[in-house]
Amino acid sequence: MIGERADSYGGHGPNLTHEVKSALQEDKNNRTIVLSRVFGLGGKDFYAVDADVFFNMAIDAMQKGFAEKPFDYFGHVPGDREKIVKPVITAQHGDVYNRDWSR
């Protein structure tokens, strides 16, 4: 279980996770199950009970022999869909960007 406070957006996991996985690849017989969780987003604190949850996730993966969700965010709260920001202007595409300089 790798817990990190920073994410590498678009990288399918934080940087330390990639470093650990790369190091584990050197041993071709290694069958380590790597779990990665990004925690503390928005300044949220991380408590001992949270570490216990991480530990139990790792034990669960070990017992099952695989990770149900190898990468995820921990402790985040989804927003309210009713309060989603609505577009103010319509998206511009196509010919709106083409200028006819011959006129």
C-alpha atoms as a PDB file:
ATOM      1  CA  MET A   1       0.000   0.000   0.000  1.00  0.00           C
ATOM      2  CA  ILE A   2       1.434   3.313  -1.099  1.00  0.00           C
ATOM      3  CA  GLY A   3      -0.219   6.444   0.233  1.00  0.00           C
ATOM      4  CA  GLU A   4       0.677   9.800  -1.271  1.00  0.00           C
ATOM      5  CA  ARG A   5      -0.492  13.356  -0.720  1.00  0.00           C
ATOM      6  CA  ALA A   6       0.161  14.461  -4.293  1.00  0.00           C
ATOM      7  CA  ASP A   7      -1.200  13.099  -7.541  1.00  0.00           C
ATOM      8  CA  SER A   8       0.248  13.049 -11.022  1.00  0.00           C
ATOM      9  CA  TYR A   9      -2.881  13.793 -13.033  1.00  0.00           C
ATOM     10  CA  GLY A  10      -3.171  11.721 -16.167  1.00  0.00           C
ATOM     11  CA  GLY A  11      -0.409   9.397 -14.995  1.00  0.00           C
ATOM     12  CA  HIS A  12      -2.694   6.664 -13.631  1.00  0.00           C
ATOM     13  CA  GLY A  13      -1.123   7.038 -10.230  1.00  0.00           C
ATOM     14  CA  PRO A  14       1.196   9.275  -8.226  1.00  0.00           C
ATOM     15  CA  ASN A  15       4.928   9.537  -8.826  1.00  0.00           C
ATOM     16  CA  LEU A  16       6.094   7.439  -5.867  1.00  0.00           C
ATOM     17  CA  THR A  17       3.793   4.635  -6.980  1.00  0.00           C
ATOM     18  CA  HIS A  18       5.445   4.621 -10.405  1.00  0.00           C
ATOM     19  CA  GLU A  19       8.899   4.571  -8.812  1.00  0.00           C
ATOM     20  CA  VAL A  20       8.025   1.611  -6.571  1.00  0.00           C
ATOM     21  CA  LYS A  21       6.425  -0.326  -9.432  1.00  0.00           C
ATOM     22  CA  SER A  22       9.483   0.308 -11.605  1.00  0.00           C
ATOM     23  CA  ALA A  23      11.788  -0.991  -8.887  1.00  0.00           C
ATOM     24  CA  LEU A  24       9.631  -4.106  -8.427  1.00  0.00           C
ATOM     25  CA  GLN A  25       9.822  -4.906 -12.151  1.00  0.00           C
ATOM     26  CA  GLU A  26      13.534  -5.575 -11.814  1.00  0.00           C
ATOM     27  CA  ASP A  27      12.718  -8.835  -9.996  1.00  0.00           C
ATOM     28  CA  LYS A  28      10.891 -10.958 -12.581  1.00  0.00           C
ATOM     29  CA  ASN A  29       9.699 -13.393  -9.868  1.00  0.00           C
ATOM     30  CA  ASN A  30       8.166 -10.620  -7.763  1.00  0.00           C
ATOM     31  CA  ARG A  31       4.389 -10.956  -7.402  1.00  0.00           C
ATOM     32  CA  THR A  32       3.818  -7.934  -5.174  1.00  0.00           C
ATOM     33  CA  ILE A  33       0.331  -6.433  -5.347  1.00  0.00           C
ATOM     34  CA  VAL A  34       0.677  -2.653  -5.387  1.00  0.00           C
ATOM     35  CA  LEU A  35      -2.162  -0.521  -4.043  1.00  0.00           C
ATOM     36  CA  SER A  36      -1.969   3.238  -4.414  1.00  0.00           C
ATOM     37  CA  ARG A  37      -4.119   5.843  -2.692  1.00  0.00           C
ATOM     38  CA  VAL A  38      -3.905   9.610  -2.894  1.00  0.00           C
ATOM     39  CA  PHE A  39      -5.007  11.143   0.392  1.00  0.00           C
ATOM     40  CA  GLY A  40      -5.177  14.559   1.982  1.00  0.00           C
ATOM     41  CA  LEU A  41      -6.473  16.410  -1.056  1.00  0.00           C
ATOM     42  CA  GLY A  42      -7.688  19.868  -0.177  1.00  0.00           C
ATOM     43  CA  GLY A  43      -5.671  19.826   3.036  1.00  0.00           C
ATOM     44  CA  LYS A  44      -7.635  17.021   4.682  1.00  0.00           C
ATOM     45  CA  ASP A  45      -5.882  15.468   7.642  1.00  0.00           C
ATOM     46  CA  PHE A  46      -4.800  11.833   7.762  1.00  0.00           C
ATOM     47  CA  TYR A  47      -5.466  10.061  11.051  1.00  0.00           C
ATOM     48  CA  ALA A  48      -4.484   6.741  12.609  1.00  0.00           C
ATOM     49  CA  VAL A  49      -7.899   5.325  11.733  1.00  0.00           C
ATOM     50  CA  ASP A  50      -7.183   6.146   8.070  1.00  0.00           C
ATOM     51  CA  ALA A  51      -3.889   4.251   8.278  1.00  0.00           C
ATOM     52  CA  ASP A  52      -5.842   1.314   9.693  1.00  0.00           C
ATOM     53  CA  VAL A  53      -8.144   1.430   6.645  1.00  0.00           C
ATOM     54  CA  PHE A  54      -5.065   1.392   4.364  1.00  0.00           C
ATOM     55  CA  PHE A  55      -3.621  -1.559   6.254  1.00  0.00           C
ATOM     56  CA  ASN A  56      -6.897  -3.481   5.944  1.00  0.00           C
ATOM     57  CA  MET A  57      -7.019  -2.749   2.191  1.00  0.00           C
ATOM     58  CA  ALA A  58      -3.555  -4.235   1.832  1.00  0.00           C
ATOM     59  CA  ILE A  59      -4.483  -7.336   3.860  1.00  0.00           C
ATOM     60  CA  ASP A  60      -7.645  -7.774   1.771  1.00  0.00           C
ATOM     61  CA  ALA A  61      -5.672  -7.604  -1.497  1.00  0.00           C
ATOM     62  CA  MET A  62      -3.119 -10.065  -0.150  1.00  0.00           C
ATOM     63  CA  GLN A  63      -5.836 -12.547   0.832  1.00  0.00           C
ATOM     64  CA  LYS A  64      -7.626 -12.237  -2.528  1.00  0.00           C
ATOM     65  CA  GLY A  65      -4.400 -12.359  -4.514  1.00  0.00           C
ATOM     66  CA  PHE A  66      -5.253  -9.218  -6.506  1.00  0.00           C
ATOM     67  CA  ALA A  67      -6.209  -5.585  -6.068  1.00  0.00           C
ATOM     68  CA  GLU A  68      -9.836  -4.817  -6.863  1.00  0.00           C
ATOM     69  CA  LYS A  69      -8.934  -1.150  -7.347  1.00  0.00           C
ATOM     70  CA  PRO A  70      -5.152  -0.632  -7.684  1.00  0.00           C
ATOM     71  CA  PHE A  71      -5.404   3.189  -7.771  1.00  0.00           C
ATOM     72  CA  ASP A  72      -7.933   5.480  -6.134  1.00  0.00           C
ATOM     73  CA  TYR A  73      -8.402   8.634  -4.118  1.00  0.00           C
ATOM     74  CA  PHE A  74      -9.008   8.319  -0.382  1.00  0.00           C
ATOM     75  CA  GLY A  75     -11.157  10.565   1.772  1.00  0.00           C
ATOM     76  CA  HIS A  76     -12.513  12.714  -1.011  1.00  0.00           C
ATOM     77  CA  VAL A  77     -16.136  13.755  -1.029  1.00  0.00           C
ATOM     78  CA  PRO A  78     -17.987  13.868  -4.340  1.00  0.00           C
ATOM     79  CA  GLY A  79     -19.647  17.158  -5.151  1.00  0.00           C
ATOM     80  CA  ASP A  80     -23.352  17.818  -5.351  1.00  0.00           C
ATOM     81  CA  ARG A  81     -24.564  17.290  -8.935  1.00  0.00           C
ATOM     82  CA  GLU A  82     -27.281  19.878  -8.332  1.00  0.00           C
ATOM     83  CA  LYS A  83     -24.606  22.553  -7.877  1.00  0.00           C
ATOM     84  CA  ILE A  84     -22.628  21.803 -11.034  1.00  0.00           C
ATOM     85  CA  VAL A  85     -21.445  24.903 -12.871  1.00  0.00           C
ATOM     86  CA  LYS A  86     -23.478  25.421 -16.004  1.00  0.00           C
ATOM     87  CA  PRO A  87     -21.842  26.741 -19.190  1.00  0.00           C
ATOM     88  CA  VAL A  88     -22.324  30.470 -19.727  1.00  0.00           C
ATOM     89  CA  ILE A  89     -21.342  30.540 -23.398  1.00  0.00           C
ATOM     90  CA  THR A  90     -21.575  27.897 -26.076  1.00  0.00           C
ATOM     91  CA  ALA A  91     -18.448  26.124 -27.187  1.00  0.00           C
ATOM     92  CA  GLN A  92     -16.878  27.501 -30.341  1.00  0.00           C
ATOM     93  CA  HIS A  93     -15.488  25.176 -32.966  1.00  0.00           C
ATOM     94  CA  GLY A  94     -15.152  24.676 -36.667  1.00  0.00           C
ATOM     95  CA  ASP A  95     -15.423  27.692 -38.960  1.00  0.00           C
ATOM     96  CA  VAL A  96     -15.614  30.222 -36.150  1.00  0.00           C
ATOM     97  CA  TYR A  97     -11.804  30.029 -35.997  1.00  0.00           C
ATOM     98  CA  ASN A  98     -11.239  30.289 -39.752  1.00  0.00           C
ATOM     99  CA  ARG A  99     -10.557  33.779 -41.014  1.00  0.00           C
ATOM    100  CA  ASP A 100     -11.058  34.592 -44.617  1.00  0.00           C
ATOM    101  CA  TRP A 101      -8.150  36.999 -45.172  1.00  0.00           C
ATOM    102  CA  SER A 102      -8.941  37.316 -48.878  1.00  0.00           C
ATOM    103  CA  ARG A 103     -11.866  39.699 -48.281  1.00  0.00           C
END
